[in-house]
Amino acid sequence: MKLPITFHRAASAEFIEASVWYENKKAGLALEFISEIDRCVVLASEYPYQFSPVHKDIRRIVANRFPYGVYFRGKHSVPGLE
């Protein structure tokens, strides 16, 4: 069962800011960042219990290549970007 995906407003703002920062560092790097975060969000939605809790019912997926993680809650909760 896929979990619904909703982003916290602050997470969305940070995601946009980070994407712009990566694109300013190197052309095309923002697209790689976006793809990696998208991969994490899909995993959080499709396999939420594959990841261990980091605090109470909050779980985290660490992004590859980028110093970000997607924090989310299991059933009836919201994946978000750190």
Foldseek 3Di string as FASTA:
>chain_A
DFADADEDPVLVVVLVVVLVVLCVVDNPRSVVVVVQVVVQNRCCGPPVPVFDAPPDQKGWDATPPDRKIWIWGPHPIYIGID
